[in-house]
Amino acid sequence: MSITAAIVLYVVIWFVTMFVVLPIRLRTQGDEGEIVPGTHAGAPANFNLGRTLIIVTIWGTIVWAIVAGIIVSGVIEVRDFDWFNRMGPEE
């Protein structure tokens, strides 16, 4: 895996992790009963971006290390996903 591929893989995993972590333990303004005028009731009541970014970075790095380790070790290769034998015979 090249450095560019590793960076792209990390960014993709980081953003997927961000979308998974965002709704966890979310308290909306509607839940709290204090809706700020001009905002939606589903808007976060007390959103802590710094804490969320730290959690996402930690979990994203762990998941990235596992996925990158599997790719680099060769346990799973592209040919493992060639169910219709479109890549031709192995050489």
PDB file of N, CA and C in Angstrom:
ATOM      1  N   MET A   1       0.856  -1.170   0.000  1.00  0.00           N
ATOM      2  CA  MET A   1       0.000   0.000   0.000  1.00  0.00           C
ATOM      3  C   MET A   1       0.902   1.233   0.000  1.00  0.00           C
ATOM      4  N   SER A   2       0.608   2.146  -0.905  1.00  0.00           N
ATOM      5  CA  SER A   2       1.402   3.369  -0.983  1.00  0.00           C
ATOM      6  C   SER A   2       0.972   4.343   0.122  1.00  0.00           C
ATOM      7  N   ILE A   3       1.770   5.374   0.311  1.00  0.00           N
ATOM      8  CA  ILE A   3       1.458   6.383   1.329  1.00  0.00           C
ATOM      9  C   ILE A   3       0.156   7.100   0.977  1.00  0.00           C
ATOM     10  N   THR A   4      -0.024   7.390  -0.301  1.00  0.00           N
ATOM     11  CA  THR A   4      -1.252   8.056  -0.732  1.00  0.00           C
ATOM     12  C   THR A   4      -2.473   7.183  -0.452  1.00  0.00           C
ATOM     13  N   ALA A   5      -2.374   5.898  -0.737  1.00  0.00           N
ATOM     14  CA  ALA A   5      -3.491   4.988  -0.473  1.00  0.00           C
ATOM     15  C   ALA A   5      -3.771   4.896   1.026  1.00  0.00           C
ATOM     16  N   ALA A   6      -2.728   4.901   1.839  1.00  0.00           N
ATOM     17  CA  ALA A   6      -2.913   4.847   3.292  1.00  0.00           C
ATOM     18  C   ALA A   6      -3.614   6.103   3.802  1.00  0.00           C
ATOM     19  N   ILE A   7      -3.239   7.262   3.262  1.00  0.00           N
ATOM     20  CA  ILE A   7      -3.872   8.521   3.676  1.00  0.00           C
ATOM     21  C   ILE A   7      -5.335   8.557   3.249  1.00  0.00           C
ATOM     22  N   VAL A   8      -5.611   8.150   2.015  1.00  0.00           N
ATOM     23  CA  VAL A   8      -6.997   8.128   1.521  1.00  0.00           C
ATOM     24  C   VAL A   8      -7.826   7.156   2.349  1.00  0.00           C
ATOM     25  N   LEU A   9      -7.277   5.993   2.660  1.00  0.00           N
ATOM     26  CA  LEU A   9      -7.981   5.021   3.488  1.00  0.00           C
ATOM     27  C   LEU A   9      -8.272   5.596   4.866  1.00  0.00           C
ATOM     28  N   TYR A  10      -7.312   6.298   5.450  1.00  0.00           N
ATOM     29  CA  TYR A  10      -7.513   6.894   6.769  1.00  0.00           C
ATOM     30  C   TYR A  10      -8.617   7.958   6.733  1.00  0.00           C
ATOM     31  N   VAL A  11      -8.604   8.810   5.719  1.00  0.00           N
ATOM     32  CA  VAL A  11      -9.609   9.870   5.616  1.00  0.00           C
ATOM     33  C   VAL A  11     -11.004   9.277   5.455  1.00  0.00           C
ATOM     34  N   VAL A  12     -11.141   8.259   4.620  1.00  0.00           N
ATOM     35  CA  VAL A  12     -12.443   7.628   4.415  1.00  0.00           C
ATOM     36  C   VAL A  12     -12.930   6.986   5.712  1.00  0.00           C
ATOM     37  N   ILE A  13     -12.057   6.250   6.387  1.00  0.00           N
ATOM     38  CA  ILE A  13     -12.435   5.608   7.647  1.00  0.00           C
ATOM     39  C   ILE A  13     -12.749   6.653   8.702  1.00  0.00           C
ATOM     40  N   TRP A  14     -12.001   7.748   8.734  1.00  0.00           N
ATOM     41  CA  TRP A  14     -12.244   8.794   9.728  1.00  0.00           C
ATOM     42  C   TRP A  14     -13.634   9.408   9.544  1.00  0.00           C
ATOM     43  N   PHE A  15     -14.012   9.709   8.300  1.00  0.00           N
ATOM     44  CA  PHE A  15     -15.319  10.310   8.059  1.00  0.00           C
ATOM     45  C   PHE A  15     -16.453   9.324   8.326  1.00  0.00           C
ATOM     46  N   VAL A  16     -16.272   8.064   7.971  1.00  0.00           N
ATOM     47  CA  VAL A  16     -17.297   7.063   8.282  1.00  0.00           C
ATOM     48  C   VAL A  16     -17.468   6.949   9.789  1.00  0.00           C
ATOM     49  N   THR A  17     -16.346   6.949  10.517  1.00  0.00           N
ATOM     50  CA  THR A  17     -16.399   6.900  11.972  1.00  0.00           C
ATOM     51  C   THR A  17     -17.087   8.144  12.524  1.00  0.00           C
ATOM     52  N   MET A  18     -16.853   9.295  11.921  1.00  0.00           N
ATOM     53  CA  MET A  18     -17.494  10.533  12.367  1.00  0.00           C
ATOM     54  C   MET A  18     -19.017  10.419  12.261  1.00  0.00           C
ATOM     55  N   PHE A  19     -19.500   9.889  11.135  1.00  0.00           N
ATOM     56  CA  PHE A  19     -20.942   9.765  10.952  1.00  0.00           C
ATOM     57  C   PHE A  19     -21.543   8.710  11.865  1.00  0.00           C
ATOM     58  N   VAL A  20     -20.747   7.746  12.308  1.00  0.00           N
ATOM     59  CA  VAL A  20     -21.239   6.754  13.260  1.00  0.00           C
ATOM     60  C   VAL A  20     -21.279   7.339  14.671  1.00  0.00           C
ATOM     61  N   VAL A  21     -20.277   8.133  15.034  1.00  0.00           N
ATOM     62  CA  VAL A  21     -20.161   8.657  16.399  1.00  0.00           C
ATOM     63  C   VAL A  21     -21.094   9.849  16.644  1.00  0.00           C
ATOM     64  N   LEU A  22     -21.377  10.650  15.644  1.00  0.00           N
ATOM     65  CA  LEU A  22     -22.176  11.861  15.845  1.00  0.00           C
ATOM     66  C   LEU A  22     -23.515  11.641  16.568  1.00  0.00           C
ATOM     67  N   PRO A  23     -24.310  10.664  16.189  1.00  0.00           N
ATOM     68  CA  PRO A  23     -25.607  10.540  16.873  1.00  0.00           C
ATOM     69  C   PRO A  23     -25.556   9.842  18.234  1.00  0.00           C
ATOM     70  N   ILE A  24     -24.410   9.323  18.628  1.00  0.00           N
ATOM     71  CA  ILE A  24     -24.316   8.627  19.912  1.00  0.00           C
ATOM     72  C   ILE A  24     -24.393   9.644  21.048  1.00  0.00           C
ATOM     73  N   ARG A  25     -25.270   9.383  22.003  1.00  0.00           N
ATOM     74  CA  ARG A  25     -25.476  10.220  23.178  1.00  0.00           C
ATOM     75  C   ARG A  25     -25.864  11.660  22.812  1.00  0.00           C
ATOM     76  N   LEU A  26     -26.544  11.821  21.695  1.00  0.00           N
ATOM     77  CA  LEU A  26     -26.975  13.154  21.251  1.00  0.00           C
ATOM     78  C   LEU A  26     -28.228  13.577  22.008  1.00  0.00           C
ATOM     79  N   ARG A  27     -28.176  14.732  22.607  1.00  0.00           N
ATOM     80  CA  ARG A  27     -29.335  15.327  23.272  1.00  0.00           C
ATOM     81  C   ARG A  27     -29.754  16.534  22.438  1.00  0.00           C
ATOM     82  N   THR A  28     -30.973  16.474  21.898  1.00  0.00           N
ATOM     83  CA  THR A  28     -31.456  17.563  21.056  1.00  0.00           C
ATOM     84  C   THR A  28     -32.133  18.634  21.906  1.00  0.00           C
ATOM     85  N   GLN A  29     -32.356  19.784  21.279  1.00  0.00           N
ATOM     86  CA  GLN A  29     -33.056  20.859  21.971  1.00  0.00           C
ATOM     87  C   GLN A  29     -34.487  20.440  22.303  1.00  0.00           C
ATOM     88  N   GLY A  30     -35.086  19.610  21.461  1.00  0.00           N
ATOM     89  CA  GLY A  30     -36.417  19.101  21.734  1.00  0.00           C
ATOM     90  C   GLY A  30     -36.436  18.186  22.942  1.00  0.00           C
ATOM     91  N   ASP A  31     -35.369  17.382  23.106  1.00  0.00           N
ATOM     92  CA  ASP A  31     -35.258  16.504  24.274  1.00  0.00           C
ATOM     93  C   ASP A  31     -35.122  17.319  25.560  1.00  0.00           C
ATOM     94  N   GLU A  32     -34.358  18.389  25.469  1.00  0.00           N
ATOM     95  CA  GLU A  32     -34.107  19.225  26.638  1.00  0.00           C
ATOM     96  C   GLU A  32     -35.286  20.140  26.963  1.00  0.00           C
ATOM     97  N   GLY A  33     -36.140  20.406  25.975  1.00  0.00           N
ATOM     98  CA  GLY A  33     -37.292  21.268  26.181  1.00  0.00           C
ATOM     99  C   GLY A  33     -36.986  22.752  26.086  1.00  0.00           C
ATOM    100  N   GLU A  34     -35.797  23.096  25.633  1.00  0.00           N
ATOM    101  CA  GLU A  34     -35.400  24.503  25.487  1.00  0.00           C
ATOM    102  C   GLU A  34     -34.974  24.747  24.048  1.00  0.00           C
ATOM    103  N   ILE A  35     -35.922  25.092  23.200  1.00  0.00           N
ATOM    104  CA  ILE A  35     -35.641  25.313  21.783  1.00  0.00           C
ATOM    105  C   ILE A  35     -35.309  26.785  21.565  1.00  0.00           C
ATOM    106  N   VAL A  36     -34.122  27.051  21.036  1.00  0.00           N
ATOM    107  CA  VAL A  36     -33.682  28.412  20.736  1.00  0.00           C
ATOM    108  C   VAL A  36     -34.472  28.895  19.520  1.00  0.00           C
ATOM    109  N   PRO A  37     -35.054  30.094  19.588  1.00  0.00           N
ATOM    110  CA  PRO A  37     -35.812  30.609  18.442  1.00  0.00           C
ATOM    111  C   PRO A  37     -34.957  30.641  17.170  1.00  0.00           C
ATOM    112  N   GLY A  38     -35.545  30.143  16.078  1.00  0.00           N
ATOM    113  CA  GLY A  38     -34.853  30.130  14.790  1.00  0.00           C
ATOM    114  C   GLY A  38     -34.102  28.845  14.516  1.00  0.00           C
ATOM    115  N   THR A  39     -34.127  27.898  15.462  1.00  0.00           N
ATOM    116  CA  THR A  39     -33.448  26.624  15.246  1.00  0.00           C
ATOM    117  C   THR A  39     -34.469  25.504  15.248  1.00  0.00           C
ATOM    118  N   HIS A  40     -34.071  24.368  14.704  1.00  0.00           N
ATOM    119  CA  HIS A  40     -34.930  23.191  14.645  1.00  0.00           C
ATOM    120  C   HIS A  40     -34.885  22.473  15.990  1.00  0.00           C
ATOM    121  N   ALA A  41     -35.972  21.804  16.326  1.00  0.00           N
ATOM    122  CA  ALA A  41     -36.026  21.078  17.604  1.00  0.00           C
ATOM    123  C   ALA A  41     -35.021  19.930  17.631  1.00  0.00           C
ATOM    124  N   GLY A  42     -34.590  19.457  16.457  1.00  0.00           N
ATOM    125  CA  GLY A  42     -33.625  18.366  16.385  1.00  0.00           C
ATOM    126  C   GLY A  42     -32.180  18.824  16.451  1.00  0.00           C
ATOM    127  N   ALA A  43     -31.951  20.117  16.612  1.00  0.00           N
ATOM    128  CA  ALA A  43     -30.579  20.638  16.712  1.00  0.00           C
ATOM    129  C   ALA A  43     -29.974  20.220  18.054  1.00  0.00           C
ATOM    130  N   PRO A  44     -28.667  19.946  18.081  1.00  0.00           N
ATOM    131  CA  PRO A  44     -28.034  19.542  19.333  1.00  0.00           C
ATOM    132  C   PRO A  44     -28.156  20.621  20.402  1.00  0.00           C
ATOM    133  N   ALA A  45     -28.384  20.194  21.638  1.00  0.00           N
ATOM    134  CA  ALA A  45     -28.505  21.140  22.747  1.00  0.00           C
ATOM    135  C   ALA A  45     -27.120  21.590  23.216  1.00  0.00           C
ATOM    136  N   ASN A  46     -26.251  20.664  23.503  1.00  0.00           N
ATOM    137  CA  ASN A  46     -24.894  20.972  23.971  1.00  0.00           C
ATOM    138  C   ASN A  46     -23.907  20.128  23.184  1.00  0.00           C
ATOM    139  N   PHE A  47     -23.488  20.640  22.039  1.00  0.00           N
ATOM    140  CA  PHE A  47     -22.575  19.886  21.181  1.00  0.00           C
ATOM    141  C   PHE A  47     -21.137  20.242  21.522  1.00  0.00           C
ATOM    142  N   ASN A  48     -20.341  19.230  21.846  1.00  0.00           N
ATOM    143  CA  ASN A  48     -18.942  19.431  22.197  1.00  0.00           C
ATOM    144  C   ASN A  48     -18.080  18.888  21.053  1.00  0.00           C
ATOM    145  N   LEU A  49     -17.704  19.768  20.127  1.00  0.00           N
ATOM    146  CA  LEU A  49     -16.965  19.357  18.935  1.00  0.00           C
ATOM    147  C   LEU A  49     -15.596  18.794  19.271  1.00  0.00           C
ATOM    148  N   GLY A  50     -14.887  19.404  20.208  1.00  0.00           N
ATOM    149  CA  GLY A  50     -13.539  18.936  20.548  1.00  0.00           C
ATOM    150  C   GLY A  50     -13.537  17.507  21.058  1.00  0.00           C
ATOM    151  N   ARG A  51     -14.468  17.197  21.956  1.00  0.00           N
ATOM    152  CA  ARG A  51     -14.564  15.843  22.512  1.00  0.00           C
ATOM    153  C   ARG A  51     -14.920  14.846  21.405  1.00  0.00           C
ATOM    154  N   THR A  52     -15.838  15.235  20.531  1.00  0.00           N
ATOM    155  CA  THR A  52     -16.244  14.362  19.434  1.00  0.00           C
ATOM    156  C   THR A  52     -15.079  14.094  18.492  1.00  0.00           C
ATOM    157  N   LEU A  53     -14.301  15.107  18.169  1.00  0.00           N
ATOM    158  CA  LEU A  53     -13.154  14.925  17.266  1.00  0.00           C
ATOM    159  C   LEU A  53     -12.102  14.010  17.881  1.00  0.00           C
ATOM    160  N   ILE A  54     -11.887  14.108  19.181  1.00  0.00           N
ATOM    161  CA  ILE A  54     -10.922  13.236  19.849  1.00  0.00           C
ATOM    162  C   ILE A  54     -11.393  11.789  19.804  1.00  0.00           C
ATOM    163  N   ILE A  55     -12.669  11.562  20.109  1.00  0.00           N
ATOM    164  CA  ILE A  55     -13.215  10.202  20.084  1.00  0.00           C
ATOM    165  C   ILE A  55     -13.147   9.624  18.674  1.00  0.00           C
ATOM    166  N   VAL A  56     -13.519  10.423  17.671  1.00  0.00           N
ATOM    167  CA  VAL A  56     -13.494   9.955  16.281  1.00  0.00           C
ATOM    168  C   VAL A  56     -12.071   9.637  15.844  1.00  0.00           C
ATOM    169  N   THR A  57     -11.120  10.475  16.226  1.00  0.00           N
ATOM    170  CA  THR A  57      -9.734  10.242  15.835  1.00  0.00           C
ATOM    171  C   THR A  57      -9.182   8.977  16.477  1.00  0.00           C
ATOM    172  N   ILE A  58      -9.492   8.744  17.733  1.00  0.00           N
ATOM    173  CA  ILE A  58      -9.008   7.533  18.409  1.00  0.00           C
ATOM    174  C   ILE A  58      -9.601   6.283  17.757  1.00  0.00           C
ATOM    175  N   TRP A  59     -10.938   6.243  17.614  1.00  0.00           N
ATOM    176  CA  TRP A  59     -11.574   5.069  17.032  1.00  0.00           C
ATOM    177  C   TRP A  59     -11.221   4.909  15.553  1.00  0.00           C
ATOM    178  N   GLY A  60     -11.134   6.015  14.820  1.00  0.00           N
ATOM    179  CA  GLY A  60     -10.756   5.937  13.410  1.00  0.00           C
ATOM    180  C   GLY A  60      -9.356   5.402  13.214  1.00  0.00           C
ATOM    181  N   THR A  61      -8.439   5.795  14.091  1.00  0.00           N
ATOM    182  CA  THR A  61      -7.064   5.303  13.999  1.00  0.00           C
ATOM    183  C   THR A  61      -6.995   3.820  14.309  1.00  0.00           C
ATOM    184  N   ILE A  62      -7.763   3.372  15.295  1.00  0.00           N
ATOM    185  CA  ILE A  62      -7.779   1.940  15.626  1.00  0.00           C
ATOM    186  C   ILE A  62      -8.329   1.123  14.457  1.00  0.00           C
ATOM    187  N   VAL A  63      -9.449   1.565  13.900  1.00  0.00           N
ATOM    188  CA  VAL A  63     -10.041   0.843  12.766  1.00  0.00           C
ATOM    189  C   VAL A  63      -9.112   0.883  11.566  1.00  0.00           C
ATOM    190  N   TRP A  64      -8.477   2.033  11.317  1.00  0.00           N
ATOM    191  CA  TRP A  64      -7.546   2.154  10.195  1.00  0.00           C
ATOM    192  C   TRP A  64      -6.360   1.211  10.369  1.00  0.00           C
ATOM    193  N   ALA A  65      -5.821   1.118  11.572  1.00  0.00           N
ATOM    194  CA  ALA A  65      -4.679   0.233  11.816  1.00  0.00           C
ATOM    195  C   ALA A  65      -5.049  -1.225  11.548  1.00  0.00           C
ATOM    196  N   ILE A  66      -6.253  -1.615  11.931  1.00  0.00           N
ATOM    197  CA  ILE A  66      -6.694  -2.988  11.683  1.00  0.00           C
ATOM    198  C   ILE A  66      -6.850  -3.245  10.187  1.00  0.00           C
ATOM    199  N   VAL A  67      -7.545  -2.326   9.494  1.00  0.00           N
ATOM    200  CA  VAL A  67      -7.774  -2.500   8.051  1.00  0.00           C
ATOM    201  C   VAL A  67      -6.451  -2.438   7.280  1.00  0.00           C
ATOM    202  N   ALA A  68      -5.593  -1.488   7.614  1.00  0.00           N
ATOM    203  CA  ALA A  68      -4.301  -1.373   6.927  1.00  0.00           C
ATOM    204  C   ALA A  68      -3.440  -2.600   7.199  1.00  0.00           C
ATOM    205  N   GLY A  69      -3.489  -3.111   8.410  1.00  0.00           N
ATOM    206  CA  GLY A  69      -2.730  -4.323   8.730  1.00  0.00           C
ATOM    207  C   GLY A  69      -3.191  -5.511   7.917  1.00  0.00           C
ATOM    208  N   ILE A  70      -4.496  -5.635   7.743  1.00  0.00           N
ATOM    209  CA  ILE A  70      -5.028  -6.732   6.928  1.00  0.00           C
ATOM    210  C   ILE A  70      -4.602  -6.576   5.473  1.00  0.00           C
ATOM    211  N   ILE A  71      -4.653  -5.349   4.953  1.00  0.00           N
ATOM    212  CA  ILE A  71      -4.270  -5.111   3.559  1.00  0.00           C
ATOM    213  C   ILE A  71      -2.780  -5.378   3.348  1.00  0.00           C
ATOM    214  N   VAL A  72      -1.942  -4.865   4.238  1.00  0.00           N
ATOM    215  CA  VAL A  72      -0.487  -5.013   4.078  1.00  0.00           C
ATOM    216  C   VAL A  72      -0.059  -6.464   4.264  1.00  0.00           C
ATOM    217  N   SER A  73      -0.701  -7.186   5.186  1.00  0.00           N
ATOM    218  CA  SER A  73      -0.300  -8.579   5.442  1.00  0.00           C
ATOM    219  C   SER A  73      -0.681  -9.499   4.293  1.00  0.00           C
ATOM    220  N   GLY A  74      -1.659  -9.099   3.493  1.00  0.00           N
ATOM    221  CA  GLY A  74      -2.065  -9.927   2.364  1.00  0.00           C
ATOM    222  C   GLY A  74      -3.078 -10.996   2.736  1.00  0.00           C
ATOM    223  N   VAL A  75      -3.643 -10.930   3.936  1.00  0.00           N
ATOM    224  CA  VAL A  75      -4.650 -11.896   4.346  1.00  0.00           C
ATOM    225  C   VAL A  75      -5.852 -11.835   3.410  1.00  0.00           C
ATOM    226  N   ILE A  76      -6.257 -10.629   3.047  1.00  0.00           N
ATOM    227  CA  ILE A  76      -7.338 -10.436   2.090  1.00  0.00           C
ATOM    228  C   ILE A  76      -6.761  -9.664   0.908  1.00  0.00           C
ATOM    229  N   GLU A  77      -6.965 -10.189  -0.286  1.00  0.00           N
ATOM    230  CA  GLU A  77      -6.469  -9.545  -1.498  1.00  0.00           C
ATOM    231  C   GLU A  77      -7.646  -9.213  -2.417  1.00  0.00           C
ATOM    232  N   VAL A  78      -7.370  -8.476  -3.484  1.00  0.00           N
ATOM    233  CA  VAL A  78      -8.403  -8.104  -4.438  1.00  0.00           C
ATOM    234  C   VAL A  78      -8.999  -9.348  -5.083  1.00  0.00           C
ATOM    235  N   ARG A  79      -8.180 -10.345  -5.328  1.00  0.00           N
ATOM    236  CA  ARG A  79      -8.661 -11.584  -5.958  1.00  0.00           C
ATOM    237  C   ARG A  79      -9.685 -12.313  -5.089  1.00  0.00           C
ATOM    238  N   ASP A  80      -9.674 -12.072  -3.799  1.00  0.00           N
ATOM    239  CA  ASP A  80     -10.661 -12.697  -2.922  1.00  0.00           C
ATOM    240  C   ASP A  80     -12.066 -12.183  -3.190  1.00  0.00           C
ATOM    241  N   PHE A  81     -12.184 -11.024  -3.794  1.00  0.00           N
ATOM    242  CA  PHE A  81     -13.483 -10.440  -4.120  1.00  0.00           C
ATOM    243  C   PHE A  81     -13.861 -10.646  -5.581  1.00  0.00           C
ATOM    244  N   ASP A  82     -13.067 -11.401  -6.327  1.00  0.00           N
ATOM    245  CA  ASP A  82     -13.339 -11.669  -7.741  1.00  0.00           C
ATOM    246  C   ASP A  82     -14.190 -12.933  -7.846  1.00  0.00           C
ATOM    247  N   TRP A  83     -15.480 -12.797  -7.510  1.00  0.00           N
ATOM    248  CA  TRP A  83     -16.370 -13.949  -7.466  1.00  0.00           C
ATOM    249  C   TRP A  83     -16.732 -14.461  -8.855  1.00  0.00           C
ATOM    250  N   PHE A  84     -16.616 -13.641  -9.868  1.00  0.00           N
ATOM    251  CA  PHE A  84     -17.000 -14.044 -11.220  1.00  0.00           C
ATOM    252  C   PHE A  84     -15.791 -14.313 -12.110  1.00  0.00           C
ATOM    253  N   ASN A  85     -14.597 -14.415 -11.520  1.00  0.00           N
ATOM    254  CA  ASN A  85     -13.356 -14.745 -12.209  1.00  0.00           C
ATOM    255  C   ASN A  85     -13.089 -13.828 -13.399  1.00  0.00           C
ATOM    256  N   ARG A  86     -13.269 -12.535 -13.190  1.00  0.00           N
ATOM    257  CA  ARG A  86     -13.046 -11.551 -14.251  1.00  0.00           C
ATOM    258  C   ARG A  86     -11.582 -11.130 -14.361  1.00  0.00           C
ATOM    259  N   MET A  87     -10.789 -11.439 -13.350  1.00  0.00           N
ATOM    260  CA  MET A  87      -9.386 -11.058 -13.375  1.00  0.00           C
ATOM    261  C   MET A  87      -8.534 -12.100 -14.098  1.00  0.00           C
ATOM    262  N   GLY A  88      -9.138 -13.210 -14.454  1.00  0.00           N
ATOM    263  CA  GLY A  88      -8.394 -14.267 -15.144  1.00  0.00           C
ATOM    264  C   GLY A  88      -7.733 -15.187 -14.147  1.00  0.00           C
ATOM    265  N   PRO A  89      -7.053 -16.196 -14.663  1.00  0.00           N
ATOM    266  CA  PRO A  89      -6.403 -17.168 -13.768  1.00  0.00           C
ATOM    267  C   PRO A  89      -5.222 -16.535 -13.033  1.00  0.00           C
ATOM    268  N   GLU A  90      -4.953 -17.076 -11.844  1.00  0.00           N
ATOM    269  CA  GLU A  90      -3.808 -16.570 -11.070  1.00  0.00           C
ATOM    270  C   GLU A  90      -2.514 -16.990 -11.746  1.00  0.00           C
ATOM    271  N   GLU A  91      -1.547 -16.135 -11.677  1.00  0.00           N
ATOM    272  CA  GLU A  91      -0.255 -16.415 -12.323  1.00  0.00           C
ATOM    273  C   GLU A  91       0.757 -16.843 -11.320  1.00  0.00           C
TER     274      GLU A  91
END
